[in-house]
Amino acid sequence: MNIEIKQLSPELINDYLYFFDNMVFTENPDWSKCYCYSYHFTGTVEEWTRENNRKAVSKLISENKMRGYLAFDGDIPVGWCNANDRKNYQALKENDGYEDNICSIVCFLISPQYRGKGIAGKLLDEVCSDYNQKGYSYIEVYPRKGTQSCEKHYHGPLSLYEKRDFEIYREYEDKYVLRRSLQSFR
């Protein structure tokens, strides 16, 4: 298996949609309407549909507003990491306001047959490297507490971040907010 990580771009929109349409939610079809749009979404419950979300995320990708990284095994997308400037996520604005120079990672999705092969770690390492080169100070992540299924660890498991020297920034009843300084990359 030769995994290649590519930054999301308008040229990869069909790969992105293929991943969400066919690869990732085979064991959990109820989640298939998300398209990793939830942190950008500002609408109503009635507007939260598969068709609307697919259309909205396609527009964001076309406008270079949806950021992240796809992992490929050959030509097949097998993993996704939603990473963007923290200010670009509507859901995070409501929680803690704005902070400059922070990249937030809100989602890791790996196709079921590719889990446990280190793909999330490769995606995370690519995010850290790229956002360091872009001049960001921190990477911020939001792992849930406790034992979770793979599907419910879509923020990434705590162990993934502990291995890479992330530190607790805030703690809530059900999750952590961890940060890693990118100074070590410089």
C-alpha atoms as a PDB file:
ATOM      1  CA  MET A   1       0.000   0.000   0.000  1.00  0.00           C
ATOM      2  CA  ASN A   2       1.467   3.327  -1.113  1.00  0.00           C
ATOM      3  CA  ILE A   3      -0.554   6.159   0.475  1.00  0.00           C
ATOM      4  CA  GLU A   4      -0.261   9.616  -1.067  1.00  0.00           C
ATOM      5  CA  ILE A   5      -1.641  12.708   0.682  1.00  0.00           C
ATOM      6  CA  LYS A   6      -3.050  15.519  -1.465  1.00  0.00           C
ATOM      7  CA  GLN A   7      -4.340  18.893  -0.364  1.00  0.00           C
ATOM      8  CA  LEU A   8      -7.981  19.424  -1.339  1.00  0.00           C
ATOM      9  CA  SER A   9      -8.409  21.616  -4.406  1.00  0.00           C
ATOM     10  CA  PRO A  10     -11.182  22.219  -6.956  1.00  0.00           C
ATOM     11  CA  GLU A  11      -9.438  19.672  -9.197  1.00  0.00           C
ATOM     12  CA  LEU A  12     -10.070  16.966  -6.577  1.00  0.00           C
ATOM     13  CA  ILE A  13     -13.783  17.665  -6.085  1.00  0.00           C
ATOM     14  CA  ASN A  14     -14.848  14.460  -7.852  1.00  0.00           C
ATOM     15  CA  ASP A  15     -12.465  12.402  -5.694  1.00  0.00           C
ATOM     16  CA  TYR A  16     -13.830  14.091  -2.571  1.00  0.00           C
ATOM     17  CA  LEU A  17     -17.431  13.383  -3.557  1.00  0.00           C
ATOM     18  CA  TYR A  18     -16.564   9.804  -4.540  1.00  0.00           C
ATOM     19  CA  PHE A  19     -15.013   9.272  -1.109  1.00  0.00           C
ATOM     20  CA  PHE A  20     -18.155  10.479   0.683  1.00  0.00           C
ATOM     21  CA  ASP A  21     -20.582   8.826  -1.736  1.00  0.00           C
ATOM     22  CA  ASN A  22     -18.895   5.412  -1.833  1.00  0.00           C
ATOM     23  CA  MET A  23     -16.032   4.831   0.567  1.00  0.00           C
ATOM     24  CA  VAL A  24     -16.473   6.071   4.093  1.00  0.00           C
ATOM     25  CA  PHE A  25     -19.970   5.509   5.433  1.00  0.00           C
ATOM     26  CA  THR A  26     -20.596   1.948   4.296  1.00  0.00           C
ATOM     27  CA  GLU A  27     -20.963   0.781   7.913  1.00  0.00           C
ATOM     28  CA  ASN A  28     -22.822   3.887   9.097  1.00  0.00           C
ATOM     29  CA  PRO A  29     -25.156   5.133   6.342  1.00  0.00           C
ATOM     30  CA  ASP A  30     -27.017   7.509   8.689  1.00  0.00           C
ATOM     31  CA  TRP A  31     -23.957   9.758   8.663  1.00  0.00           C
ATOM     32  CA  SER A  32     -23.654   9.836   4.874  1.00  0.00           C
ATOM     33  CA  LYS A  33     -25.440  13.163   4.515  1.00  0.00           C
ATOM     34  CA  CYS A  34     -22.726  15.109   6.358  1.00  0.00           C
ATOM     35  CA  TYR A  35     -20.054  15.495   3.636  1.00  0.00           C
ATOM     36  CA  CYS A  36     -17.927  17.005   6.447  1.00  0.00           C
ATOM     37  CA  TYR A  37     -20.048  20.134   6.223  1.00  0.00           C
ATOM     38  CA  SER A  38     -21.320  20.314   9.811  1.00  0.00           C
ATOM     39  CA  TYR A  39     -18.698  22.780  11.077  1.00  0.00           C
ATOM     40  CA  HIS A  40     -19.542  25.141   8.186  1.00  0.00           C
ATOM     41  CA  PHE A  41     -23.325  24.739   8.419  1.00  0.00           C
ATOM     42  CA  THR A  42     -25.473  27.618   9.677  1.00  0.00           C
ATOM     43  CA  GLY A  43     -28.921  26.514   8.499  1.00  0.00           C
ATOM     44  CA  THR A  44     -31.917  24.779  10.031  1.00  0.00           C
ATOM     45  CA  VAL A  45     -32.581  21.120  10.771  1.00  0.00           C
ATOM     46  CA  GLU A  46     -34.871  21.001   7.738  1.00  0.00           C
ATOM     47  CA  GLU A  47     -32.056  22.241   5.493  1.00  0.00           C
ATOM     48  CA  TRP A  48     -29.637  19.558   6.747  1.00  0.00           C
ATOM     49  CA  THR A  49     -30.076  17.038   3.911  1.00  0.00           C
ATOM     50  CA  ARG A  50     -27.701  14.934   1.878  1.00  0.00           C
ATOM     51  CA  GLU A  51     -28.490  16.851  -1.318  1.00  0.00           C
ATOM     52  CA  ASN A  52     -28.128  20.303   0.251  1.00  0.00           C
ATOM     53  CA  ASN A  53     -24.896  19.407   2.030  1.00  0.00           C
ATOM     54  CA  ARG A  54     -23.365  17.820  -1.078  1.00  0.00           C
ATOM     55  CA  LYS A  55     -24.204  20.927  -3.095  1.00  0.00           C
ATOM     56  CA  ALA A  56     -22.948  23.325  -0.404  1.00  0.00           C
ATOM     57  CA  VAL A  57     -19.650  21.522   0.116  1.00  0.00           C
ATOM     58  CA  SER A  58     -19.108  21.336  -3.655  1.00  0.00           C
ATOM     59  CA  LYS A  59     -19.488  25.107  -3.780  1.00  0.00           C
ATOM     60  CA  LEU A  60     -17.044  25.579  -0.887  1.00  0.00           C
ATOM     61  CA  ILE A  61     -14.475  23.363  -2.613  1.00  0.00           C
ATOM     62  CA  SER A  62     -14.930  25.201  -5.922  1.00  0.00           C
ATOM     63  CA  GLU A  63     -14.331  28.509  -4.110  1.00  0.00           C
ATOM     64  CA  ASN A  64     -11.268  27.126  -2.225  1.00  0.00           C
ATOM     65  CA  LYS A  65     -13.055  27.697   1.106  1.00  0.00           C
ATOM     66  CA  MET A  66     -13.248  24.029   2.104  1.00  0.00           C
ATOM     67  CA  ARG A  67      -9.779  22.933   3.153  1.00  0.00           C
ATOM     68  CA  GLY A  68      -8.315  19.614   4.058  1.00  0.00           C
ATOM     69  CA  TYR A  69      -6.387  16.631   2.790  1.00  0.00           C
ATOM     70  CA  LEU A  70      -7.318  13.449   0.994  1.00  0.00           C
ATOM     71  CA  ALA A  71      -5.335  10.227   1.339  1.00  0.00           C
ATOM     72  CA  PHE A  72      -5.127   8.083  -1.786  1.00  0.00           C
ATOM     73  CA  ASP A  73      -4.225   4.460  -2.374  1.00  0.00           C
ATOM     74  CA  GLY A  74      -3.365   4.748  -6.047  1.00  0.00           C
ATOM     75  CA  ASP A  75      -6.290   6.592  -7.624  1.00  0.00           C
ATOM     76  CA  ILE A  76      -8.755   5.720  -4.876  1.00  0.00           C
ATOM     77  CA  PRO A  77      -9.455   8.221  -2.065  1.00  0.00           C
ATOM     78  CA  VAL A  78      -9.337   6.296   1.230  1.00  0.00           C
ATOM     79  CA  GLY A  79      -9.018   8.993   3.898  1.00  0.00           C
ATOM     80  CA  TRP A  80      -9.945  12.578   4.673  1.00  0.00           C
ATOM     81  CA  CYS A  81      -8.847  15.205   7.177  1.00  0.00           C
ATOM     82  CA  ASN A  82     -10.838  18.448   7.478  1.00  0.00           C
ATOM     83  CA  ALA A  83      -8.253  21.105   8.431  1.00  0.00           C
ATOM     84  CA  ASN A  84      -8.730  24.830   8.034  1.00  0.00           C
ATOM     85  CA  ASP A  85      -8.118  28.182   9.636  1.00  0.00           C
ATOM     86  CA  ARG A  86     -10.088  28.109  12.888  1.00  0.00           C
ATOM     87  CA  LYS A  87     -11.973  31.282  11.880  1.00  0.00           C
ATOM     88  CA  ASN A  88     -13.486  29.489   8.864  1.00  0.00           C
ATOM     89  CA  TYR A  89     -15.572  27.098  10.975  1.00  0.00           C
ATOM     90  CA  GLN A  90     -18.924  28.591  11.944  1.00  0.00           C
ATOM     91  CA  ALA A  91     -19.409  26.079  14.773  1.00  0.00           C
ATOM     92  CA  LEU A  92     -16.128  27.042  16.447  1.00  0.00           C
ATOM     93  CA  LYS A  93     -16.895  30.772  16.282  1.00  0.00           C
ATOM     94  CA  GLU A  94     -19.890  30.207  18.511  1.00  0.00           C
ATOM     95  CA  ASN A  95     -17.835  28.343  21.145  1.00  0.00           C
ATOM     96  CA  ASP A  96     -14.732  30.412  21.726  1.00  0.00           C
ATOM     97  CA  GLY A  97     -14.762  33.395  19.396  1.00  0.00           C
ATOM     98  CA  TYR A  98     -11.922  34.187  17.027  1.00  0.00           C
ATOM     99  CA  GLU A  99      -8.265  33.493  17.461  1.00  0.00           C
ATOM    100  CA  ASP A 100      -5.607  34.243  14.904  1.00  0.00           C
ATOM    101  CA  ASN A 101      -3.030  31.919  13.466  1.00  0.00           C
ATOM    102  CA  ILE A 102      -4.633  28.616  14.521  1.00  0.00           C
ATOM    103  CA  CYS A 103      -5.407  25.689  12.237  1.00  0.00           C
ATOM    104  CA  SER A 104      -8.266  23.511  13.497  1.00  0.00           C
ATOM    105  CA  ILE A 105      -8.773  19.881  12.593  1.00  0.00           C
ATOM    106  CA  VAL A 106     -12.417  18.930  13.001  1.00  0.00           C
ATOM    107  CA  CYS A 107     -12.620  15.543  11.287  1.00  0.00           C
ATOM    108  CA  PHE A 108     -10.685  12.444  10.286  1.00  0.00           C
ATOM    109  CA  LEU A 109     -12.462   9.859   8.173  1.00  0.00           C
ATOM    110  CA  ILE A 110     -10.784   6.676   6.979  1.00  0.00           C
ATOM    111  CA  SER A 111     -12.461   4.020   4.831  1.00  0.00           C
ATOM    112  CA  PRO A 112     -13.255   0.983   7.005  1.00  0.00           C
ATOM    113  CA  GLN A 113     -10.878  -1.403   5.222  1.00  0.00           C
ATOM    114  CA  TYR A 114      -7.992   1.094   5.607  1.00  0.00           C
ATOM    115  CA  ARG A 115      -8.340   1.797   9.319  1.00  0.00           C
ATOM    116  CA  GLY A 116      -5.506   0.882  11.652  1.00  0.00           C
ATOM    117  CA  LYS A 117      -2.859   1.360   8.957  1.00  0.00           C
ATOM    118  CA  GLY A 118      -1.483   4.743  10.074  1.00  0.00           C
ATOM    119  CA  ILE A 119      -3.310   6.864   7.497  1.00  0.00           C
ATOM    120  CA  ALA A 120      -4.709   9.326  10.063  1.00  0.00           C
ATOM    121  CA  GLY A 121      -1.178   9.870  11.357  1.00  0.00           C
ATOM    122  CA  LYS A 122       0.100  10.575   7.855  1.00  0.00           C
ATOM    123  CA  LEU A 123      -2.731  13.051   7.310  1.00  0.00           C
ATOM    124  CA  LEU A 124      -2.011  14.763  10.635  1.00  0.00           C
ATOM    125  CA  ASP A 125       1.714  15.011   9.897  1.00  0.00           C
ATOM    126  CA  GLU A 126       0.933  16.596   6.517  1.00  0.00           C
ATOM    127  CA  VAL A 127      -1.396  19.158   8.145  1.00  0.00           C
ATOM    128  CA  CYS A 128       1.259  20.095  10.708  1.00  0.00           C
ATOM    129  CA  SER A 129       3.936  20.467   8.046  1.00  0.00           C
ATOM    130  CA  ASP A 130       1.782  22.476   5.642  1.00  0.00           C
ATOM    131  CA  TYR A 131       0.324  24.822   8.228  1.00  0.00           C
ATOM    132  CA  ASN A 132       3.772  25.420   9.672  1.00  0.00           C
ATOM    133  CA  GLN A 133       4.927  26.479   6.189  1.00  0.00           C
ATOM    134  CA  LYS A 134       1.889  28.775   5.971  1.00  0.00           C
ATOM    135  CA  GLY A 135       3.062  30.541   9.150  1.00  0.00           C
ATOM    136  CA  TYR A 136       0.461  29.216  11.599  1.00  0.00           C
ATOM    137  CA  SER A 137       1.384  29.054  15.288  1.00  0.00           C
ATOM    138  CA  TYR A 138      -0.822  26.170  16.458  1.00  0.00           C
ATOM    139  CA  ILE A 139      -2.801  23.139  15.381  1.00  0.00           C
ATOM    140  CA  GLU A 140      -5.942  22.666  17.502  1.00  0.00           C
ATOM    141  CA  VAL A 141      -7.907  19.395  17.732  1.00  0.00           C
ATOM    142  CA  TYR A 142     -11.014  18.170  19.588  1.00  0.00           C
ATOM    143  CA  PRO A 143     -10.870  14.478  20.553  1.00  0.00           C
ATOM    144  CA  ARG A 144     -13.755  13.003  22.530  1.00  0.00           C
ATOM    145  CA  LYS A 145     -13.231  11.469  25.932  1.00  0.00           C
ATOM    146  CA  GLY A 146     -13.677   7.787  26.675  1.00  0.00           C
ATOM    147  CA  THR A 147     -13.779   4.674  24.568  1.00  0.00           C
ATOM    148  CA  GLN A 148     -15.502   5.286  21.259  1.00  0.00           C
ATOM    149  CA  SER A 149     -16.168   3.337  18.087  1.00  0.00           C
ATOM    150  CA  CYS A 150     -14.122   4.267  15.011  1.00  0.00           C
ATOM    151  CA  GLU A 151     -17.108   6.176  13.666  1.00  0.00           C
ATOM    152  CA  LYS A 152     -17.475   8.260  16.832  1.00  0.00           C
ATOM    153  CA  HIS A 153     -13.752   9.036  16.882  1.00  0.00           C
ATOM    154  CA  TYR A 154     -14.139  11.210  13.796  1.00  0.00           C
ATOM    155  CA  HIS A 155     -12.247  13.979  15.620  1.00  0.00           C
ATOM    156  CA  GLY A 156      -9.349  11.555  15.932  1.00  0.00           C
ATOM    157  CA  PRO A 157      -8.515   9.504  19.022  1.00  0.00           C
ATOM    158  CA  LEU A 158      -6.607  11.093  21.883  1.00  0.00           C
ATOM    159  CA  SER A 159      -3.714   8.652  21.360  1.00  0.00           C
ATOM    160  CA  LEU A 160      -3.136  10.017  17.841  1.00  0.00           C
ATOM    161  CA  TYR A 161      -2.396  13.444  19.297  1.00  0.00           C
ATOM    162  CA  GLU A 162      -0.520  12.297  22.386  1.00  0.00           C
ATOM    163  CA  LYS A 163       2.027  10.580  20.126  1.00  0.00           C
ATOM    164  CA  ARG A 164       2.663  13.943  18.471  1.00  0.00           C
ATOM    165  CA  ASP A 165       3.098  16.102  21.583  1.00  0.00           C
ATOM    166  CA  PHE A 166      -0.286  17.831  21.596  1.00  0.00           C
ATOM    167  CA  GLU A 167      -1.113  19.361  24.979  1.00  0.00           C
ATOM    168  CA  ILE A 168      -4.433  19.948  26.717  1.00  0.00           C
ATOM    169  CA  TYR A 169      -5.566  23.528  26.182  1.00  0.00           C
ATOM    170  CA  ARG A 170      -9.115  23.120  27.537  1.00  0.00           C
ATOM    171  CA  GLU A 171     -11.114  20.270  28.949  1.00  0.00           C
ATOM    172  CA  TYR A 172     -14.870  19.751  28.832  1.00  0.00           C
ATOM    173  CA  GLU A 173     -17.102  17.010  30.163  1.00  0.00           C
ATOM    174  CA  ASP A 174     -17.094  15.056  26.895  1.00  0.00           C
ATOM    175  CA  LYS A 175     -14.021  16.268  25.001  1.00  0.00           C
ATOM    176  CA  TYR A 176     -10.603  17.849  25.087  1.00  0.00           C
ATOM    177  CA  VAL A 177      -9.262  20.798  23.170  1.00  0.00           C
ATOM    178  CA  LEU A 178      -5.619  20.056  22.440  1.00  0.00           C
ATOM    179  CA  ARG A 179      -3.007  22.241  20.818  1.00  0.00           C
ATOM    180  CA  ARG A 180       0.403  21.705  19.382  1.00  0.00           C
ATOM    181  CA  SER A 181       2.811  24.509  18.767  1.00  0.00           C
ATOM    182  CA  LEU A 182       4.246  24.530  15.279  1.00  0.00           C
ATOM    183  CA  GLN A 183       7.444  26.206  16.499  1.00  0.00           C
ATOM    184  CA  SER A 184       9.095  22.777  16.599  1.00  0.00           C
ATOM    185  CA  PHE A 185       8.774  22.531  12.807  1.00  0.00           C
ATOM    186  CA  ARG A 186      10.660  25.779  12.240  1.00  0.00           C
END
